[in-house]
Amino acid sequence: METNTEDWNMAKAYFMRLDEILTSCCISHMKGDILNYFKSLYRLYIEIEAKIPEKYIEETEILLKQAINEKNRGLDGETKVSLVPFVEFELQLRKILENKNMLTPKRDLKGL
């Protein structure tokens, strides 16, 4: 019985961490804070990378590289950076989270 409670507590902590990262993504995006938006998206990617289904891996890696390239373009502080690669990467990550029932988790831990 304790194992189920411990599993639930770990899952809850994991989902709370994901929620904090997603909140950071939203706030950074709304502020136009490209560097923190990228950092939040990359942290989200790291958190879910092991759970990415095979069919999404290649596309997700391409979108990550595009976001990295766009972020690097703006590091000089003078080049205007497009939000599009970041938004596309975020949408991909959210699609993965939704397909894995991780945006609206249920108490049932099967599949985690």
N, C-alpha and C. Protein backbone atom coordinates (compact mmCIF):
# COMPACT_ATOMS: atom_id res chain seq x y z
N MET A 1 0.82 -1.19 0.00
CA MET A 1 0.00 0.00 0.00
C MET A 1 0.87 1.26 0.00
N GLU A 2 1.99 1.23 0.73
CA GLU A 2 2.86 2.40 0.77
C GLU A 2 3.47 2.70 -0.60
N THR A 3 3.75 1.67 -1.38
CA THR A 3 4.35 1.88 -2.70
C THR A 3 3.43 2.72 -3.58
N ASN A 4 2.14 2.46 -3.56
CA ASN A 4 1.20 3.25 -4.36
C ASN A 4 1.22 4.71 -3.92
N THR A 5 1.26 4.93 -2.62
CA THR A 5 1.30 6.29 -2.10
C THR A 5 2.61 6.96 -2.49
N GLU A 6 3.71 6.26 -2.38
CA GLU A 6 5.00 6.82 -2.76
C GLU A 6 5.05 7.12 -4.26
N ASP A 7 4.52 6.19 -5.07
CA ASP A 7 4.46 6.43 -6.52
C ASP A 7 3.62 7.67 -6.81
N TRP A 8 2.48 7.77 -6.14
CA TRP A 8 1.60 8.92 -6.37
C TRP A 8 2.31 10.20 -5.96
N ASN A 9 2.99 10.21 -4.83
CA ASN A 9 3.70 11.41 -4.37
C ASN A 9 4.79 11.81 -5.35
N MET A 10 5.52 10.84 -5.90
CA MET A 10 6.56 11.15 -6.89
C MET A 10 5.93 11.68 -8.17
N ALA A 11 4.84 11.07 -8.60
CA ALA A 11 4.16 11.53 -9.81
C ALA A 11 3.62 12.94 -9.61
N LYS A 12 3.05 13.18 -8.45
CA LYS A 12 2.52 14.52 -8.15
C LYS A 12 3.64 15.55 -8.18
N ALA A 13 4.77 15.23 -7.57
CA ALA A 13 5.92 16.15 -7.59
C ALA A 13 6.39 16.40 -9.02
N TYR A 14 6.41 15.36 -9.83
CA TYR A 14 6.83 15.48 -11.23
C TYR A 14 5.87 16.41 -12.00
N PHE A 15 4.57 16.19 -11.82
CA PHE A 15 3.59 17.02 -12.51
C PHE A 15 3.62 18.47 -12.02
N MET A 16 3.90 18.66 -10.74
CA MET A 16 4.02 20.02 -10.22
C MET A 16 5.24 20.71 -10.84
N ARG A 17 6.32 19.97 -11.01
CA ARG A 17 7.52 20.52 -11.65
C ARG A 17 7.22 20.88 -13.11
N LEU A 18 6.53 19.99 -13.82
CA LEU A 18 6.14 20.30 -15.20
C LEU A 18 5.26 21.55 -15.26
N ASP A 19 4.35 21.66 -14.31
CA ASP A 19 3.47 22.83 -14.27
C ASP A 19 4.27 24.11 -14.07
N GLU A 20 5.25 24.08 -13.19
CA GLU A 20 6.10 25.25 -12.97
C GLU A 20 6.88 25.62 -14.23
N ILE A 21 7.38 24.62 -14.92
CA ILE A 21 8.13 24.88 -16.15
C ILE A 21 7.21 25.44 -17.23
N LEU A 22 6.02 24.87 -17.37
CA LEU A 22 5.07 25.38 -18.36
C LEU A 22 4.65 26.81 -18.03
N THR A 23 4.50 27.11 -16.75
CA THR A 23 4.17 28.48 -16.33
C THR A 23 5.31 29.42 -16.70
N SER A 24 6.53 28.99 -16.48
CA SER A 24 7.70 29.79 -16.84
C SER A 24 7.73 30.04 -18.35
N CYS A 25 7.41 29.01 -19.13
CA CYS A 25 7.34 29.17 -20.60
C CYS A 25 6.33 30.26 -20.97
N CYS A 26 5.15 30.18 -20.37
CA CYS A 26 4.10 31.15 -20.70
C CYS A 26 4.51 32.58 -20.33
N ILE A 27 5.04 32.74 -19.14
CA ILE A 27 5.42 34.08 -18.68
C ILE A 27 6.55 34.65 -19.53
N SER A 28 7.55 33.84 -19.81
CA SER A 28 8.68 34.30 -20.62
C SER A 28 8.22 34.67 -22.03
N HIS A 29 7.34 33.86 -22.59
CA HIS A 29 6.81 34.14 -23.93
C HIS A 29 6.05 35.46 -23.93
N MET A 30 5.18 35.64 -22.94
CA MET A 30 4.38 36.88 -22.89
C MET A 30 5.25 38.12 -22.70
N LYS A 31 6.35 37.97 -21.97
CA LYS A 31 7.26 39.09 -21.75
C LYS A 31 8.19 39.33 -22.94
N GLY A 32 8.25 38.35 -23.85
CA GLY A 32 9.19 38.46 -24.96
C GLY A 32 10.62 38.21 -24.51
N ASP A 33 10.77 37.50 -23.40
CA ASP A 33 12.08 37.18 -22.84
C ASP A 33 12.59 35.90 -23.50
N ILE A 34 13.22 36.06 -24.64
CA ILE A 34 13.62 34.94 -25.48
C ILE A 34 14.54 33.97 -24.75
N LEU A 35 15.54 34.48 -24.06
CA LEU A 35 16.50 33.59 -23.42
C LEU A 35 15.83 32.72 -22.35
N ASN A 36 15.00 33.32 -21.49
CA ASN A 36 14.33 32.53 -20.47
C ASN A 36 13.25 31.63 -21.06
N TYR A 37 12.64 32.06 -22.15
CA TYR A 37 11.68 31.22 -22.85
C TYR A 37 12.39 29.96 -23.36
N PHE A 38 13.54 30.16 -23.99
CA PHE A 38 14.30 29.02 -24.48
C PHE A 38 14.75 28.11 -23.33
N LYS A 39 15.26 28.71 -22.26
CA LYS A 39 15.71 27.91 -21.12
C LYS A 39 14.57 27.07 -20.54
N SER A 40 13.40 27.66 -20.45
CA SER A 40 12.23 26.94 -19.93
C SER A 40 11.83 25.81 -20.87
N LEU A 41 11.81 26.09 -22.16
CA LEU A 41 11.47 25.05 -23.14
C LEU A 41 12.50 23.92 -23.11
N TYR A 42 13.76 24.27 -22.98
CA TYR A 42 14.80 23.24 -22.96
C TYR A 42 14.68 22.39 -21.69
N ARG A 43 14.36 23.04 -20.57
CA ARG A 43 14.16 22.29 -19.32
C ARG A 43 12.98 21.33 -19.47
N LEU A 44 11.91 21.81 -20.12
CA LEU A 44 10.74 20.95 -20.35
C LEU A 44 11.14 19.76 -21.23
N TYR A 45 11.91 20.02 -22.26
CA TYR A 45 12.40 18.96 -23.14
C TYR A 45 13.19 17.92 -22.34
N ILE A 46 14.07 18.38 -21.49
CA ILE A 46 14.88 17.46 -20.68
C ILE A 46 13.98 16.61 -19.77
N GLU A 47 12.97 17.23 -19.19
CA GLU A 47 12.07 16.51 -18.28
C GLU A 47 11.30 15.40 -18.99
N ILE A 48 10.92 15.62 -20.25
CA ILE A 48 10.06 14.63 -20.93
C ILE A 48 10.78 13.83 -22.00
N GLU A 49 12.05 14.10 -22.24
CA GLU A 49 12.78 13.49 -23.35
C GLU A 49 12.69 11.96 -23.35
N ALA A 50 12.78 11.35 -22.21
CA ALA A 50 12.72 9.88 -22.15
C ALA A 50 11.33 9.34 -22.46
N LYS A 51 10.33 10.20 -22.40
CA LYS A 51 8.95 9.77 -22.63
C LYS A 51 8.46 10.09 -24.05
N ILE A 52 9.33 10.67 -24.87
CA ILE A 52 8.92 11.04 -26.22
C ILE A 52 8.78 9.78 -27.07
N PRO A 53 7.59 9.57 -27.63
CA PRO A 53 7.39 8.40 -28.49
C PRO A 53 8.29 8.46 -29.72
N GLU A 54 8.69 7.31 -30.19
CA GLU A 54 9.59 7.18 -31.35
C GLU A 54 9.13 8.03 -32.53
N LYS A 55 7.83 8.05 -32.79
CA LYS A 55 7.31 8.77 -33.96
C LYS A 55 7.50 10.29 -33.88
N TYR A 56 7.79 10.82 -32.67
CA TYR A 56 7.97 12.27 -32.51
C TYR A 56 9.43 12.69 -32.35
N ILE A 57 10.33 11.75 -32.20
CA ILE A 57 11.72 12.09 -31.86
C ILE A 57 12.38 12.94 -32.93
N GLU A 58 12.32 12.52 -34.19
CA GLU A 58 13.02 13.26 -35.25
C GLU A 58 12.48 14.68 -35.40
N GLU A 59 11.17 14.82 -35.45
CA GLU A 59 10.57 16.16 -35.60
C GLU A 59 10.90 17.04 -34.40
N THR A 60 10.88 16.47 -33.20
CA THR A 60 11.18 17.23 -31.99
C THR A 60 12.63 17.70 -32.00
N GLU A 61 13.55 16.86 -32.42
CA GLU A 61 14.96 17.25 -32.48
C GLU A 61 15.19 18.35 -33.52
N ILE A 62 14.49 18.28 -34.64
CA ILE A 62 14.60 19.33 -35.66
C ILE A 62 14.11 20.66 -35.09
N LEU A 63 12.96 20.63 -34.41
CA LEU A 63 12.41 21.86 -33.83
C LEU A 63 13.32 22.40 -32.73
N LEU A 64 13.94 21.52 -31.96
CA LEU A 64 14.89 21.96 -30.93
C LEU A 64 16.07 22.67 -31.58
N LYS A 65 16.63 22.09 -32.64
CA LYS A 65 17.77 22.71 -33.33
C LYS A 65 17.40 24.07 -33.90
N GLN A 66 16.18 24.19 -34.44
CA GLN A 66 15.74 25.48 -34.98
C GLN A 66 15.63 26.52 -33.86
N ALA A 67 15.12 26.11 -32.70
CA ALA A 67 15.03 27.03 -31.56
C ALA A 67 16.42 27.43 -31.08
N ILE A 68 17.34 26.48 -31.02
CA ILE A 68 18.71 26.78 -30.60
C ILE A 68 19.35 27.78 -31.57
N ASN A 69 19.18 27.53 -32.86
CA ASN A 69 19.76 28.43 -33.87
C ASN A 69 19.19 29.83 -33.75
N GLU A 70 17.89 29.94 -33.53
CA GLU A 70 17.25 31.25 -33.41
C GLU A 70 17.73 31.96 -32.14
N LYS A 71 17.84 31.22 -31.05
CA LYS A 71 18.35 31.79 -29.80
C LYS A 71 19.77 32.31 -30.00
N ASN A 72 20.61 31.52 -30.65
CA ASN A 72 22.00 31.91 -30.87
C ASN A 72 22.11 33.15 -31.75
N ARG A 73 21.19 33.29 -32.70
CA ARG A 73 21.20 34.49 -33.56
C ARG A 73 21.02 35.76 -32.74
N GLY A 74 20.25 35.67 -31.68
CA GLY A 74 19.93 36.85 -30.89
C GLY A 74 20.88 37.14 -29.75
N LEU A 75 21.91 36.32 -29.59
CA LEU A 75 22.82 36.50 -28.46
C LEU A 75 23.64 37.78 -28.54
N ASP A 76 23.78 38.35 -29.72
CA ASP A 76 24.55 39.59 -29.84
C ASP A 76 23.78 40.79 -29.29
N GLY A 77 22.50 40.60 -29.01
CA GLY A 77 21.69 41.67 -28.45
C GLY A 77 21.18 42.67 -29.46
N GLU A 78 21.59 42.54 -30.70
CA GLU A 78 21.18 43.48 -31.73
C GLU A 78 20.26 42.84 -32.77
N THR A 79 20.40 41.56 -32.99
CA THR A 79 19.61 40.86 -33.99
C THR A 79 18.22 40.56 -33.45
N LYS A 80 17.21 40.91 -34.22
CA LYS A 80 15.83 40.58 -33.84
C LYS A 80 15.63 39.08 -33.99
N VAL A 81 14.97 38.49 -33.01
CA VAL A 81 14.75 37.05 -32.99
C VAL A 81 13.27 36.79 -33.18
N SER A 82 12.97 35.79 -33.99
CA SER A 82 11.58 35.40 -34.21
C SER A 82 11.14 34.43 -33.12
N LEU A 83 9.93 34.59 -32.64
CA LEU A 83 9.37 33.67 -31.66
C LEU A 83 8.87 32.37 -32.30
N VAL A 84 8.72 32.37 -33.60
CA VAL A 84 8.11 31.23 -34.29
C VAL A 84 8.79 29.89 -33.97
N PRO A 85 10.13 29.78 -34.05
CA PRO A 85 10.74 28.48 -33.74
C PRO A 85 10.48 28.02 -32.30
N PHE A 86 10.42 28.98 -31.38
CA PHE A 86 10.17 28.64 -29.98
C PHE A 86 8.74 28.16 -29.79
N VAL A 87 7.81 28.86 -30.41
CA VAL A 87 6.39 28.48 -30.31
C VAL A 87 6.16 27.11 -30.94
N GLU A 88 6.76 26.87 -32.09
CA GLU A 88 6.61 25.56 -32.74
C GLU A 88 7.18 24.44 -31.87
N PHE A 89 8.32 24.70 -31.23
CA PHE A 89 8.92 23.71 -30.33
C PHE A 89 8.01 23.49 -29.11
N GLU A 90 7.49 24.57 -28.56
CA GLU A 90 6.58 24.44 -27.42
C GLU A 90 5.33 23.65 -27.79
N LEU A 91 4.75 23.95 -28.94
CA LEU A 91 3.55 23.23 -29.37
C LEU A 91 3.83 21.74 -29.54
N GLN A 92 5.00 21.41 -30.06
CA GLN A 92 5.40 20.01 -30.21
C GLN A 92 5.49 19.33 -28.84
N LEU A 93 6.14 19.99 -27.90
CA LEU A 93 6.27 19.42 -26.56
C LEU A 93 4.91 19.26 -25.89
N ARG A 94 4.05 20.25 -26.07
CA ARG A 94 2.70 20.16 -25.49
C ARG A 94 1.89 19.03 -26.15
N LYS A 95 2.09 18.83 -27.44
CA LYS A 95 1.40 17.73 -28.13
C LYS A 95 1.85 16.39 -27.53
N ILE A 96 3.13 16.27 -27.28
CA ILE A 96 3.66 15.04 -26.68
C ILE A 96 3.08 14.86 -25.27
N LEU A 97 3.08 15.93 -24.49
CA LEU A 97 2.52 15.85 -23.15
C LEU A 97 1.05 15.46 -23.18
N GLU A 98 0.31 16.03 -24.10
CA GLU A 98 -1.12 15.71 -24.21
C GLU A 98 -1.31 14.26 -24.63
N ASN A 99 -0.54 13.79 -25.59
CA ASN A 99 -0.66 12.40 -26.04
C ASN A 99 -0.30 11.40 -24.95
N LYS A 100 0.55 11.81 -24.02
CA LYS A 100 0.94 10.94 -22.91
C LYS A 100 0.08 11.20 -21.66
N ASN A 101 -0.99 11.99 -21.83
CA ASN A 101 -1.89 12.36 -20.71
C ASN A 101 -1.13 13.04 -19.57
N MET A 102 -0.18 13.88 -19.93
CA MET A 102 0.62 14.55 -18.92
C MET A 102 0.24 16.02 -18.74
N LEU A 103 -0.62 16.54 -19.59
CA LEU A 103 -1.10 17.91 -19.38
C LEU A 103 -2.28 17.90 -18.42
N THR A 104 -3.06 16.87 -18.48
CA THR A 104 -4.20 16.71 -17.58
C THR A 104 -4.11 15.33 -16.95
N PRO A 105 -3.17 15.17 -16.01
CA PRO A 105 -2.93 13.84 -15.44
C PRO A 105 -4.11 13.32 -14.65
N LYS A 106 -4.23 12.01 -14.64
CA LYS A 106 -5.24 11.32 -13.85
C LYS A 106 -4.53 10.63 -12.70
N ARG A 107 -5.26 10.28 -11.71
CA ARG A 107 -4.64 9.64 -10.54
C ARG A 107 -4.06 8.28 -10.88
N ASP A 108 -4.57 7.64 -11.91
CA ASP A 108 -4.06 6.34 -12.33
C ASP A 108 -2.65 6.53 -12.88
N LEU A 109 -1.68 5.85 -12.32
CA LEU A 109 -0.28 6.03 -12.69
C LEU A 109 0.17 5.12 -13.82
N LYS A 110 -0.71 4.29 -14.34
CA LYS A 110 -0.32 3.39 -15.42
C LYS A 110 0.11 4.21 -16.63
N GLY A 111 1.21 3.84 -17.22
CA GLY A 111 1.70 4.53 -18.41
C GLY A 111 2.76 5.57 -18.12
N LEU A 112 2.97 5.90 -16.84
CA LEU A 112 4.00 6.89 -16.51
C LEU A 112 5.37 6.27 -16.50
